[in-house]
C-alpha cells in the first residue's frame, strides 16, 4: 500500500520546528528547548529510530531557515503591498 511521509521545517525569529511523520503519526521531532530529538512512538509498534546526528541536523536547518527568512525580508522590504 501507499504511505504518506511528511517532513516539516519552519522557523521564526524566536522559534522553530522540525518534525517527521508517517501516515499522520509523528515519528520524530526536535525539542529545541531541551536540546534533543524525541521519538514519541507508542510501545506497541516496532520502534523506528533516526540516525545519530538528527538533532544536530535540525539545529543546522534552523540556522539556514533563519538566514533565509532574513534574506527574504531584506529583499521584500521595498516591494509595495499592491501593484
Protein backbone atom coordinates (compact mmCIF):
# COMPACT_ATOMS: atom_id res chain seq x y z
CA UNK A 1 0.00 0.00 0.00
CA UNK A 2 0.84 3.65 -0.23
CA UNK A 3 2.15 5.64 2.71
CA UNK A 4 2.34 9.39 3.36
CA UNK A 5 5.76 10.53 4.56
CA UNK A 6 5.96 14.15 5.77
CA UNK A 7 8.81 16.37 6.92
CA UNK A 8 8.19 19.86 8.32
CA UNK A 9 10.84 22.53 8.86
CA UNK A 10 9.81 26.01 9.92
CA UNK A 11 11.18 28.96 11.83
CA UNK A 12 10.59 32.46 13.08
CA UNK A 13 12.92 34.94 14.75
CA UNK A 14 12.33 33.31 18.11
CA UNK A 15 11.09 29.77 17.48
CA UNK A 16 11.49 26.76 15.22
CA UNK A 17 10.05 23.38 14.31
CA UNK A 18 11.34 20.21 12.70
CA UNK A 19 9.25 17.05 12.57
CA UNK A 20 8.97 13.78 10.65
CA UNK A 21 5.75 11.78 10.37
CA UNK A 22 4.45 8.69 8.59
CA UNK A 23 0.76 8.20 7.77
CA UNK A 24 -0.22 11.07 10.07
CA UNK A 25 1.71 9.72 13.07
CA UNK A 26 4.58 11.75 14.48
CA UNK A 27 7.81 9.70 14.40
CA UNK A 28 10.41 12.27 15.47
CA UNK A 29 10.62 15.93 16.37
CA UNK A 30 13.33 18.30 17.54
CA UNK A 31 12.85 19.59 21.07
CA UNK A 32 14.85 22.81 20.82
CA UNK A 33 14.08 23.74 24.45
CA UNK A 34 15.63 20.55 25.89
CA UNK A 35 18.22 20.22 23.09
CA UNK A 36 17.32 16.69 21.94
CA UNK A 37 15.41 14.66 19.39
CA UNK A 38 12.20 12.99 20.59
CA UNK A 39 10.69 9.78 19.21
CA UNK A 40 7.09 9.81 20.56
CA UNK A 41 6.15 6.35 19.34
CA UNK A 42 3.87 4.05 21.32
CA UNK A 43 5.38 0.91 22.85
CA UNK A 44 3.15 -1.46 20.84
CA UNK A 45 4.78 -0.70 17.46
CA UNK A 46 8.14 -1.65 16.01
CA UNK A 47 10.22 1.35 17.08
CA UNK A 48 11.69 3.49 14.30
CA UNK A 49 14.90 5.28 15.28
CA UNK A 50 16.60 8.12 13.49
CA UNK A 51 20.33 8.21 12.89
CA UNK A 52 22.69 9.78 15.35
CA UNK A 53 23.08 13.44 14.49
CA UNK A 54 19.44 14.01 13.52
CA UNK A 55 19.03 16.67 16.23
CA UNK A 56 22.25 18.42 15.22
CA UNK A 57 20.99 18.44 11.62
CA UNK A 58 17.74 20.01 12.82
CA UNK A 59 19.72 22.75 14.60
CA UNK A 60 21.69 23.43 11.41
CA UNK A 61 18.45 23.54 9.37
CA UNK A 62 17.06 26.13 11.80
CA UNK A 63 20.07 28.37 11.22
CA UNK A 64 19.61 28.06 7.46
CA UNK A 65 15.88 28.78 7.81
CA UNK A 66 16.52 31.90 9.90
CA UNK A 67 19.14 33.16 7.45
CA UNK A 68 16.72 32.59 4.53
CA UNK A 69 13.99 34.43 6.47
CA UNK A 70 16.33 37.40 7.00
CA UNK A 71 17.33 37.42 3.31
CA UNK A 72 13.71 37.31 2.12
CA UNK A 73 12.70 40.13 4.49
CA UNK A 74 15.53 42.32 3.19
CA UNK A 75 14.69 41.53 -0.45
CA UNK A 76 10.99 42.28 0.02
CA UNK A 77 11.16 45.34 2.27
CA UNK A 78 10.71 47.89 -0.55
CA UNK A 79 8.13 45.93 -2.56
CA UNK A 80 4.71 47.61 -2.35
CA UNK A 81 1.84 45.52 -0.94
CA UNK A 82 -0.30 46.28 -4.01
CA UNK A 83 0.51 46.99 -7.66
